[in-house]
PDB file of all heavy atoms in Angstrom:
ATOM      1  N   ALA A   1       1.268  76.707 187.260  1.00  0.00           N
ATOM      2  CA  ALA A   1       0.600  77.918 187.703  1.00  0.00           C
ATOM      3  C   ALA A   1       1.583  78.955 188.193  1.00  0.00           C
ATOM      4  O   ALA A   1       1.198  79.963 188.751  1.00  0.00           O
ATOM      5  CB  ALA A   1      -0.384  77.592 188.832  1.00  0.00           C
ATOM      6  N   SER A   2       2.890  78.710 188.046  1.00  0.00           N
ATOM      7  CA  SER A   2       3.871  79.699 188.473  1.00  0.00           C
ATOM      8  C   SER A   2       3.798  80.907 187.562  1.00  0.00           C
ATOM      9  O   SER A   2       3.516  80.785 186.372  1.00  0.00           O
ATOM     10  CB  SER A   2       5.275  79.100 188.442  1.00  0.00           C
ATOM     11  OG  SER A   2       5.576  78.641 187.150  1.00  0.00           O
ATOM     12  N   LEU A   3       4.048  82.094 188.116  1.00  0.00           N
ATOM     13  CA  LEU A   3       3.863  83.327 187.368  1.00  0.00           C
ATOM     14  C   LEU A   3       5.143  83.740 186.653  1.00  0.00           C
ATOM     15  O   LEU A   3       5.684  84.811 186.861  1.00  0.00           O
ATOM     16  CB  LEU A   3       3.381  84.432 188.323  1.00  0.00           C
ATOM     17  CG  LEU A   3       2.108  84.098 189.088  1.00  0.00           C
ATOM     18  CD1 LEU A   3       1.656  85.309 189.882  1.00  0.00           C
ATOM     19  CD2 LEU A   3       1.013  83.624 188.164  1.00  0.00           C
ATOM     20  N   ASN A   4       5.653  82.870 185.798  1.00  0.00           N
ATOM     21  CA  ASN A   4       6.795  83.216 184.974  1.00  0.00           C
ATOM     22  C   ASN A   4       6.336  84.054 183.802  1.00  0.00           C
ATOM     23  O   ASN A   4       5.137  84.226 183.570  1.00  0.00           O
ATOM     24  CB  ASN A   4       7.493  81.945 184.472  1.00  0.00           C
ATOM     25  CG  ASN A   4       8.128  81.168 185.606  1.00  0.00           C
ATOM     26  OD1 ASN A   4       8.636  81.760 186.545  1.00  0.00           O
ATOM     27  ND2 ASN A   4       8.072  79.853 185.540  1.00  0.00           N
ATOM     28  N   TRP A   5       7.295  84.568 183.023  1.00  0.00           N
ATOM     29  CA  TRP A   5       6.952  85.418 181.885  1.00  0.00           C
ATOM     30  C   TRP A   5       6.010  84.661 180.957  1.00  0.00           C
ATOM     31  O   TRP A   5       6.292  83.558 180.522  1.00  0.00           O
ATOM     32  CB  TRP A   5       8.213  85.822 181.131  1.00  0.00           C
ATOM     33  CG  TRP A   5       7.904  86.676 179.955  1.00  0.00           C
ATOM     34  CD1 TRP A   5       7.629  86.273 178.693  1.00  0.00           C
ATOM     35  CD2 TRP A   5       7.809  88.095 179.941  1.00  0.00           C
ATOM     36  NE1 TRP A   5       7.368  87.332 177.885  1.00  0.00           N
ATOM     37  CE2 TRP A   5       7.476  88.463 178.623  1.00  0.00           C
ATOM     38  CE3 TRP A   5       7.974  89.097 180.906  1.00  0.00           C
ATOM     39  CZ2 TRP A   5       7.307  89.791 178.252  1.00  0.00           C
ATOM     40  CZ3 TRP A   5       7.820  90.401 180.523  1.00  0.00           C
ATOM     41  CH2 TRP A   5       7.491  90.740 179.228  1.00  0.00           C
ATOM     42  N   GLY A   6       4.910  85.294 180.604  1.00  0.00           N
ATOM     43  CA  GLY A   6       3.967  84.707 179.676  1.00  0.00           C
ATOM     44  C   GLY A   6       2.820  83.958 180.323  1.00  0.00           C
ATOM     45  O   GLY A   6       1.858  83.614 179.659  1.00  0.00           O
ATOM     46  N   GLN A   7       2.875  83.685 181.619  1.00  0.00           N
ATOM     47  CA  GLN A   7       1.785  83.039 182.318  1.00  0.00           C
ATOM     48  C   GLN A   7       1.418  83.841 183.555  1.00  0.00           C
ATOM     49  O   GLN A   7       2.281  84.496 184.129  1.00  0.00           O
ATOM     50  CB  GLN A   7       2.182  81.618 182.746  1.00  0.00           C
ATOM     51  CG  GLN A   7       2.294  80.633 181.612  1.00  0.00           C
ATOM     52  CD  GLN A   7       3.654  80.633 180.994  1.00  0.00           C
ATOM     53  OE1 GLN A   7       4.631  80.913 181.676  1.00  0.00           O
ATOM     54  NE2 GLN A   7       3.751  80.336 179.729  1.00  0.00           N
ATOM     55  N   PRO A   8       0.161  83.847 184.000  1.00  0.00           N
ATOM     56  CA  PRO A   8      -0.972  83.174 183.380  1.00  0.00           C
ATOM     57  C   PRO A   8      -1.509  83.952 182.187  1.00  0.00           C
ATOM     58  O   PRO A   8      -1.138  85.107 181.989  1.00  0.00           O
ATOM     59  CB  PRO A   8      -2.011  83.156 184.504  1.00  0.00           C
ATOM     60  CG  PRO A   8      -1.744  84.415 185.251  1.00  0.00           C
ATOM     61  CD  PRO A   8      -0.245  84.592 185.213  1.00  0.00           C
ATOM     62  N   VAL A   9      -2.365  83.325 181.411  1.00  0.00           N
ATOM     63  CA  VAL A   9      -3.022  83.985 180.289  1.00  0.00           C
ATOM     64  C   VAL A   9      -4.469  84.209 180.678  1.00  0.00           C
ATOM     65  O   VAL A   9      -5.184  83.267 181.024  1.00  0.00           O
ATOM     66  CB  VAL A   9      -2.924  83.129 179.008  1.00  0.00           C
ATOM     67  CG1 VAL A   9      -3.728  83.760 177.885  1.00  0.00           C
ATOM     68  CG2 VAL A   9      -1.477  82.967 178.593  1.00  0.00           C
ATOM     69  N   LEU A  10      -4.909  85.469 180.654  1.00  0.00           N
ATOM     70  CA  LEU A  10      -6.278  85.833 181.029  1.00  0.00           C
ATOM     71  C   LEU A  10      -6.971  86.482 179.837  1.00  0.00           C
ATOM     72  O   LEU A  10      -6.345  87.167 179.043  1.00  0.00           O
ATOM     73  CB  LEU A  10      -6.271  86.817 182.210  1.00  0.00           C
ATOM     74  CG  LEU A  10      -5.594  86.367 183.504  1.00  0.00           C
ATOM     75  CD1 LEU A  10      -5.637  87.484 184.528  1.00  0.00           C
ATOM     76  CD2 LEU A  10      -6.272  85.126 184.055  1.00  0.00           C
ATOM     77  N   ASP A  11      -8.274  86.266 179.740  1.00  0.00           N
ATOM     78  CA  ASP A  11      -9.057  86.940 178.716  1.00  0.00           C
ATOM     79  C   ASP A  11      -9.216  88.409 179.067  1.00  0.00           C
ATOM     80  O   ASP A  11      -9.495  88.768 180.216  1.00  0.00           O
ATOM     81  CB  ASP A  11     -10.443  86.298 178.589  1.00  0.00           C
ATOM     82  CG  ASP A  11     -10.385  84.903 178.001  1.00  0.00           C
ATOM     83  OD1 ASP A  11      -9.404  84.602 177.298  1.00  0.00           O
ATOM     84  OD2 ASP A  11     -11.319  84.113 178.243  1.00  0.00           O
ATOM     85  N   SER A  12      -9.018  89.291 178.089  1.00  0.00           N
ATOM     86  CA  SER A  12      -9.176  90.730 178.308  1.00  0.00           C
ATOM     87  C   SER A  12      -9.496  91.392 176.983  1.00  0.00           C
ATOM     88  O   SER A  12      -8.993  90.981 175.928  1.00  0.00           O
ATOM     89  CB  SER A  12      -7.890  91.327 178.893  1.00  0.00           C
ATOM     90  OG  SER A  12      -7.991  92.744 178.990  1.00  0.00           O
ATOM     91  N   VAL A  13     -10.309  92.436 177.027  1.00  0.00           N
ATOM     92  CA  VAL A  13     -10.636  93.202 175.819  1.00  0.00           C
ATOM     93  C   VAL A  13      -9.789  94.459 175.719  1.00  0.00           C
ATOM     94  O   VAL A  13      -9.976  95.257 174.804  1.00  0.00           O
ATOM     95  CB  VAL A  13     -12.132  93.611 175.805  1.00  0.00           C
ATOM     96  CG1 VAL A  13     -13.031  92.391 175.884  1.00  0.00           C
ATOM     97  CG2 VAL A  13     -12.462  94.593 176.935  1.00  0.00           C
ATOM     98  N   LEU A  14      -8.839  94.659 176.624  1.00  0.00           N
ATOM     99  CA  LEU A  14      -8.208  95.968 176.769  1.00  0.00           C
ATOM    100  C   LEU A  14      -7.049  96.205 175.808  1.00  0.00           C
ATOM    101  O   LEU A  14      -7.104  97.099 174.971  1.00  0.00           O
ATOM    102  CB  LEU A  14      -7.736  96.147 178.219  1.00  0.00           C
ATOM    103  CG  LEU A  14      -8.841  96.078 179.278  1.00  0.00           C
ATOM    104  CD1 LEU A  14      -8.242  96.214 180.673  1.00  0.00           C
ATOM    105  CD2 LEU A  14      -9.887  97.138 179.022  1.00  0.00           C
ATOM    106  N   THR A  15      -5.980  95.453 175.948  1.00  0.00           N
ATOM    107  CA  THR A  15      -4.738  95.788 175.263  1.00  0.00           C
ATOM    108  C   THR A  15      -4.045  94.530 174.789  1.00  0.00           C
ATOM    109  O   THR A  15      -4.086  93.496 175.463  1.00  0.00           O
ATOM    110  CB  THR A  15      -3.793  96.560 176.211  1.00  0.00           C
ATOM    111  OG1 THR A  15      -4.471  97.685 176.732  1.00  0.00           O
ATOM    112  CG2 THR A  15      -2.550  97.039 175.478  1.00  0.00           C
ATOM    113  N   THR A  16      -3.372  94.633 173.652  1.00  0.00           N
ATOM    114  CA  THR A  16      -2.567  93.527 173.160  1.00  0.00           C
ATOM    115  C   THR A  16      -1.383  94.083 172.383  1.00  0.00           C
ATOM    116  O   THR A  16      -1.365  95.258 172.005  1.00  0.00           O
ATOM    117  CB  THR A  16      -3.396  92.587 172.262  1.00  0.00           C
ATOM    118  OG1 THR A  16      -2.620  91.429 171.932  1.00  0.00           O
ATOM    119  CG2 THR A  16      -3.809  93.277 170.966  1.00  0.00           C
ATOM    120  N   VAL A  17      -0.390  93.240 172.175  1.00  0.00           N
ATOM    121  CA  VAL A  17       0.749  93.555 171.316  1.00  0.00           C
ATOM    122  C   VAL A  17       0.765  92.514 170.211  1.00  0.00           C
ATOM    123  O   VAL A  17       0.908  91.317 170.476  1.00  0.00           O
ATOM    124  CB  VAL A  17       2.081  93.532 172.089  1.00  0.00           C
ATOM    125  CG1 VAL A  17       3.246  93.789 171.147  1.00  0.00           C
ATOM    126  CG2 VAL A  17       2.063  94.572 173.207  1.00  0.00           C
ATOM    127  N   GLN A  18       0.601  92.954 168.973  1.00  0.00           N
ATOM    128  CA  GLN A  18       0.556  92.055 167.823  1.00  0.00           C
ATOM    129  C   GLN A  18       1.526  92.549 166.762  1.00  0.00           C
ATOM    130  O   GLN A  18       1.395  93.676 166.278  1.00  0.00           O
ATOM    131  CB  GLN A  18      -0.862  91.986 167.240  1.00  0.00           C
ATOM    132  CG  GLN A  18      -1.905  91.389 168.180  1.00  0.00           C
ATOM    133  CD  GLN A  18      -3.286  91.329 167.550  1.00  0.00           C
ATOM    134  OE1 GLN A  18      -3.481  91.724 166.412  1.00  0.00           O
ATOM    135  NE2 GLN A  18      -4.252  90.837 168.312  1.00  0.00           N
ATOM    136  N   GLY A  19       2.488  91.705 166.421  1.00  0.00           N
ATOM    137  CA  GLY A  19       3.443  92.072 165.388  1.00  0.00           C
ATOM    138  C   GLY A  19       4.181  93.354 165.673  1.00  0.00           C
ATOM    139  O   GLY A  19       4.471  94.132 164.755  1.00  0.00           O
ATOM    140  N   GLY A  20       4.497  93.596 166.937  1.00  0.00           N
ATOM    141  CA  GLY A  20       5.211  94.805 167.313  1.00  0.00           C
ATOM    142  C   GLY A  20       4.339  96.038 167.421  1.00  0.00           C
ATOM    143  O   GLY A  20       4.856  97.143 167.627  1.00  0.00           O
ATOM    144  N   THR A  21       3.012  95.885 167.312  1.00  0.00           N
ATOM    145  CA  THR A  21       2.078  97.019 167.412  1.00  0.00           C
ATOM    146  C   THR A  21       1.321  96.948 168.718  1.00  0.00           C
ATOM    147  O   THR A  21       0.709  95.922 169.038  1.00  0.00           O
ATOM    148  CB  THR A  21       1.080  97.005 166.231  1.00  0.00           C
ATOM    149  OG1 THR A  21       1.791  97.116 165.007  1.00  0.00           O
ATOM    150  CG2 THR A  21       0.094  98.159 166.339  1.00  0.00           C
ATOM    151  N   LEU A  22       1.345  98.034 169.480  1.00  0.00           N
ATOM    152  CA  LEU A  22       0.595  98.137 170.730  1.00  0.00           C
ATOM    153  C   LEU A  22      -0.814  98.619 170.404  1.00  0.00           C
ATOM    154  O   LEU A  22      -0.997  99.653 169.752  1.00  0.00           O
ATOM    155  CB  LEU A  22       1.283  99.113 171.685  1.00  0.00           C
ATOM    156  CG  LEU A  22       0.578  99.420 173.007  1.00  0.00           C
ATOM    157  CD1 LEU A  22       0.399  98.161 173.845  1.00  0.00           C
ATOM    158  CD2 LEU A  22       1.353 100.481 173.790  1.00  0.00           C
ATOM    159  N   ILE A  23      -1.829  97.869 170.855  1.00  0.00           N
ATOM    160  CA  ILE A  23      -3.218  98.124 170.465  1.00  0.00           C
ATOM    161  C   ILE A  23      -4.073  98.294 171.715  1.00  0.00           C
ATOM    162  O   ILE A  23      -4.082  97.428 172.593  1.00  0.00           O
ATOM    163  CB  ILE A  23      -3.766  96.968 169.613  1.00  0.00           C
ATOM    164  CG1 ILE A  23      -2.906  96.786 168.349  1.00  0.00           C
ATOM    165  CG2 ILE A  23      -5.221  97.207 169.228  1.00  0.00           C
ATOM    166  CD1 ILE A  23      -3.205  95.510 167.593  1.00  0.00           C
ATOM    167  N   TYR A  24      -4.796  99.422 171.785  1.00  0.00           N
ATOM    168  CA  TYR A  24      -5.781  99.655 172.842  1.00  0.00           C
ATOM    169  C   TYR A  24      -7.177  99.445 172.250  1.00  0.00           C
ATOM    170  O   TYR A  24      -7.653 100.242 171.447  1.00  0.00           O
ATOM    171  CB  TYR A  24      -5.716 101.093 173.365  1.00  0.00           C
ATOM    172  CG  TYR A  24      -4.410 101.548 173.971  1.00  0.00           C
ATOM    173  CD1 TYR A  24      -4.099 102.905 174.039  1.00  0.00           C
ATOM    174  CD2 TYR A  24      -3.486 100.652 174.500  1.00  0.00           C
ATOM    175  CE1 TYR A  24      -2.921 103.355 174.603  1.00  0.00           C
ATOM    176  CE2 TYR A  24      -2.309 101.085 175.068  1.00  0.00           C
ATOM    177  CZ  TYR A  24      -2.021 102.443 175.112  1.00  0.00           C
ATOM    178  OH  TYR A  24      -0.854 102.888 175.669  1.00  0.00           O
ATOM    179  N   ARG A  25      -7.831  98.382 172.612  1.00  0.00           N
ATOM    180  CA  ARG A  25      -9.209  98.109 172.166  1.00  0.00           C
ATOM    181  C   ARG A  25      -9.397  98.345 170.666  1.00  0.00           C
ATOM    182  O   ARG A  25     -10.323  99.027 170.238  1.00  0.00           O
ATOM    183  CB  ARG A  25     -10.203  98.951 172.952  1.00  0.00           C
ATOM    184  CG  ARG A  25     -10.453  98.437 174.370  1.00  0.00           C
ATOM    185  CD  ARG A  25     -11.794  98.913 174.880  1.00  0.00           C
ATOM    186  NE  ARG A  25     -12.083  98.421 176.218  1.00  0.00           N
ATOM    187  CZ  ARG A  25     -13.292  98.066 176.635  1.00  0.00           C
ATOM    188  NH1 ARG A  25     -14.318  98.135 175.817  1.00  0.00           N
ATOM    189  NH2 ARG A  25     -13.482  97.646 177.875  1.00  0.00           N
ATOM    190  N   GLY A  26      -8.507  97.785 169.880  1.00  0.00           N
ATOM    191  CA  GLY A  26      -8.629  97.867 168.438  1.00  0.00           C
ATOM    192  C   GLY A  26      -8.017  99.104 167.810  1.00  0.00           C
ATOM    193  O   GLY A  26      -8.044  99.253 166.587  1.00  0.00           O
ATOM    194  N   HIS A  27      -7.440 100.003 168.607  1.00  0.00           N
ATOM    195  CA  HIS A  27      -6.824 101.229 168.097  1.00  0.00           C
ATOM    196  C   HIS A  27      -5.317 101.186 168.358  1.00  0.00           C
ATOM    197  O   HIS A  27      -4.884 100.890 169.477  1.00  0.00           O
ATOM    198  CB  HIS A  27      -7.422 102.467 168.779  1.00  0.00           C
ATOM    199  CG  HIS A  27      -8.874 102.668 168.485  1.00  0.00           C
ATOM    200  ND1 HIS A  27      -9.337 103.570 167.547  1.00  0.00           N
ATOM    201  CD2 HIS A  27      -9.976 102.085 169.014  1.00  0.00           C
ATOM    202  CE1 HIS A  27     -10.651 103.543 167.508  1.00  0.00           C
ATOM    203  NE2 HIS A  27     -11.071 102.647 168.392  1.00  0.00           N
ATOM    204  N   ALA A  28      -4.520 101.492 167.341  1.00  0.00           N
ATOM    205  CA  ALA A  28      -3.069 101.507 167.498  1.00  0.00           C
ATOM    206  C   ALA A  28      -2.668 102.644 168.428  1.00  0.00           C
ATOM    207  O   ALA A  28      -3.054 103.802 168.220  1.00  0.00           O
ATOM    208  CB  ALA A  28      -2.384 101.665 166.148  1.00  0.00           C
ATOM    209  N   ALA A  29      -1.890 102.328 169.459  1.00  0.00           N
ATOM    210  CA  ALA A  29      -1.489 103.341 170.446  1.00  0.00           C
ATOM    211  C   ALA A  29      -0.689 104.460 169.799  1.00  0.00           C
ATOM    212  O   ALA A  29      -0.830 105.631 170.180  1.00  0.00           O
ATOM    213  CB  ALA A  29      -0.694 102.690 171.573  1.00  0.00           C
TER     214      ALA A  29
END
């Protein structure tokens, strides 16, 4: 439960980074 890089993982609908693309709710930033 230590807060190192990559943890914890929480569910969110807001933002993600996939394949080098920053995405806001399904839209490329």
